[in-house]
Amino acid sequence: MVVCVCNAIREKELRDAARDGSGKPSDIYAKLGRKPKCGQCLSFAQTIINSEAATA
């Protein structure tokens, strides 16, 4: 599933990056070499990041 259309970030990429640390979408996006553009994905991205943190 695509999480961020502007940056073409898929859920798997986001989950993999989230396992490595930071809890903020902007930090995860930076780790992927991207940055938030329109911002509509940030709440969904945060939900995914929180999910990964809860299972770590």
N, C-alpha and C. Protein backbone atom coordinates (compact mmCIF):
# COMPACT_ATOMS: atom_id res chain seq x y z
N MET A 1 0.85 -1.17 0.00
CA MET A 1 0.00 0.00 0.00
C MET A 1 0.90 1.24 0.00
N VAL A 2 0.50 2.26 -0.73
CA VAL A 2 1.24 3.52 -0.76
C VAL A 2 0.79 4.38 0.41
N VAL A 3 1.74 4.82 1.21
CA VAL A 3 1.46 5.69 2.35
C VAL A 3 1.53 7.15 1.92
N CYS A 4 2.56 7.48 1.16
CA CYS A 4 2.78 8.86 0.72
C CYS A 4 2.83 8.90 -0.80
N VAL A 5 1.82 9.47 -1.40
CA VAL A 5 1.76 9.56 -2.85
C VAL A 5 2.82 10.53 -3.38
N CYS A 6 3.01 11.65 -2.71
CA CYS A 6 3.96 12.67 -3.16
C CYS A 6 5.38 12.12 -3.27
N ASN A 7 5.74 11.24 -2.35
CA ASN A 7 7.10 10.69 -2.31
C ASN A 7 7.17 9.23 -2.71
N ALA A 8 6.06 8.65 -3.08
CA ALA A 8 5.99 7.23 -3.47
C ALA A 8 6.59 6.33 -2.39
N ILE A 9 6.19 6.56 -1.14
CA ILE A 9 6.66 5.74 -0.02
C ILE A 9 5.61 4.65 0.25
N ARG A 10 6.07 3.42 0.20
CA ARG A 10 5.19 2.29 0.46
C ARG A 10 5.22 1.94 1.94
N GLU A 11 4.16 1.28 2.38
CA GLU A 11 4.03 0.91 3.79
C GLU A 11 5.22 0.07 4.25
N LYS A 12 5.65 -0.87 3.43
CA LYS A 12 6.78 -1.74 3.81
C LYS A 12 8.04 -0.91 4.04
N GLU A 13 8.32 0.05 3.18
CA GLU A 13 9.50 0.92 3.36
C GLU A 13 9.40 1.67 4.68
N LEU A 14 8.23 2.22 4.95
CA LEU A 14 8.02 2.99 6.17
C LEU A 14 8.19 2.10 7.40
N ARG A 15 7.60 0.91 7.38
CA ARG A 15 7.73 -0.01 8.52
C ARG A 15 9.19 -0.42 8.74
N ASP A 16 9.89 -0.74 7.66
CA ASP A 16 11.29 -1.13 7.79
C ASP A 16 12.12 0.00 8.40
N ALA A 17 11.92 1.22 7.93
CA ALA A 17 12.66 2.37 8.46
C ALA A 17 12.26 2.67 9.90
N ALA A 18 11.00 2.47 10.24
CA ALA A 18 10.52 2.76 11.60
C ALA A 18 11.12 1.80 12.62
N ARG A 19 11.46 0.60 12.21
CA ARG A 19 12.05 -0.38 13.13
C ARG A 19 13.42 0.06 13.61
N ASP A 20 14.06 0.93 12.87
CA ASP A 20 15.42 1.36 13.21
C ASP A 20 15.49 2.50 14.21
N GLY A 21 14.34 3.05 14.63
CA GLY A 21 14.47 4.10 15.63
C GLY A 21 13.38 5.13 15.72
N SER A 22 13.59 6.27 15.14
CA SER A 22 12.79 7.47 15.37
C SER A 22 11.28 7.25 15.34
N GLY A 23 10.58 8.07 16.11
CA GLY A 23 9.14 7.97 16.18
C GLY A 23 8.42 9.09 15.44
N LYS A 24 9.17 9.91 14.70
CA LYS A 24 8.54 11.03 13.99
C LYS A 24 8.58 10.77 12.49
N PRO A 25 7.46 11.00 11.80
CA PRO A 25 7.44 10.80 10.35
C PRO A 25 8.52 11.58 9.62
N SER A 26 8.77 12.82 10.01
CA SER A 26 9.78 13.62 9.30
C SER A 26 11.17 12.99 9.39
N ASP A 27 11.49 12.37 10.52
CA ASP A 27 12.79 11.69 10.67
C ASP A 27 12.85 10.43 9.81
N ILE A 28 11.75 9.70 9.77
CA ILE A 28 11.69 8.49 8.95
C ILE A 28 11.80 8.85 7.47
N TYR A 29 11.08 9.88 7.06
CA TYR A 29 11.14 10.32 5.66
C TYR A 29 12.57 10.72 5.31
N ALA A 30 13.25 11.43 6.21
CA ALA A 30 14.63 11.84 5.97
C ALA A 30 15.54 10.62 5.82
N LYS A 31 15.29 9.61 6.64
CA LYS A 31 16.06 8.37 6.56
C LYS A 31 15.89 7.72 5.19
N LEU A 32 14.71 7.92 4.60
CA LEU A 32 14.43 7.37 3.27
C LEU A 32 14.89 8.31 2.16
N GLY A 33 15.49 9.45 2.54
CA GLY A 33 15.97 10.40 1.55
C GLY A 33 14.88 11.29 0.97
N ARG A 34 13.80 11.46 1.72
CA ARG A 34 12.67 12.27 1.25
C ARG A 34 12.21 13.19 2.36
N LYS A 35 11.29 14.10 2.05
CA LYS A 35 10.69 14.93 3.09
C LYS A 35 9.22 15.15 2.77
N PRO A 36 8.40 15.32 3.81
CA PRO A 36 6.97 15.50 3.58
C PRO A 36 6.70 16.71 2.68
N LYS A 37 5.73 16.56 1.81
CA LYS A 37 5.38 17.66 0.90
C LYS A 37 4.01 18.22 1.28
N CYS A 38 2.94 17.56 0.90
CA CYS A 38 1.61 18.11 1.19
C CYS A 38 1.17 17.85 2.63
N GLY A 39 1.71 16.80 3.25
CA GLY A 39 1.43 16.51 4.66
C GLY A 39 0.20 15.66 4.93
N GLN A 40 -0.55 15.30 3.92
CA GLN A 40 -1.76 14.51 4.16
C GLN A 40 -1.47 13.10 4.66
N CYS A 41 -0.27 12.62 4.44
CA CYS A 41 0.09 11.26 4.83
C CYS A 41 0.60 11.16 6.27
N LEU A 42 0.90 12.28 6.88
CA LEU A 42 1.62 12.25 8.16
C LEU A 42 0.87 11.54 9.28
N SER A 43 -0.43 11.71 9.37
CA SER A 43 -1.17 11.03 10.45
C SER A 43 -1.18 9.52 10.22
N PHE A 44 -1.33 9.10 8.98
CA PHE A 44 -1.30 7.67 8.66
C PHE A 44 0.10 7.11 8.90
N ALA A 45 1.12 7.86 8.49
CA ALA A 45 2.50 7.44 8.71
C ALA A 45 2.77 7.29 10.21
N GLN A 46 2.27 8.22 11.01
CA GLN A 46 2.48 8.16 12.46
C GLN A 46 1.81 6.92 13.05
N THR A 47 0.64 6.57 12.55
CA THR A 47 -0.06 5.37 13.01
C THR A 47 0.78 4.12 12.73
N ILE A 48 1.37 4.06 11.56
CA ILE A 48 2.21 2.92 11.18
C ILE A 48 3.46 2.88 12.07
N ILE A 49 4.08 4.03 12.29
CA ILE A 49 5.27 4.12 13.13
C ILE A 49 4.95 3.67 14.56
N ASN A 50 3.83 4.13 15.09
CA ASN A 50 3.41 3.72 16.43
C ASN A 50 3.16 2.23 16.52
N SER A 51 2.59 1.66 15.47
CA SER A 51 2.34 0.23 15.41
C SER A 51 3.64 -0.55 15.47
N GLU A 52 4.64 -0.09 14.72
CA GLU A 52 5.95 -0.75 14.74
C GLU A 52 6.62 -0.63 16.10
N ALA A 53 6.49 0.52 16.73
CA ALA A 53 7.08 0.73 18.05
C ALA A 53 6.44 -0.18 19.09
N ALA A 54 5.14 -0.41 18.95
CA ALA A 54 4.42 -1.24 19.91
C ALA A 54 4.80 -2.71 19.79
N THR A 55 5.22 -3.12 18.61
CA THR A 55 5.57 -4.52 18.41
C THR A 55 7.06 -4.78 18.56
N ALA A 56 7.83 -3.74 18.79
CA ALA A 56 9.30 -3.89 18.90
C ALA A 56 9.70 -4.43 20.26
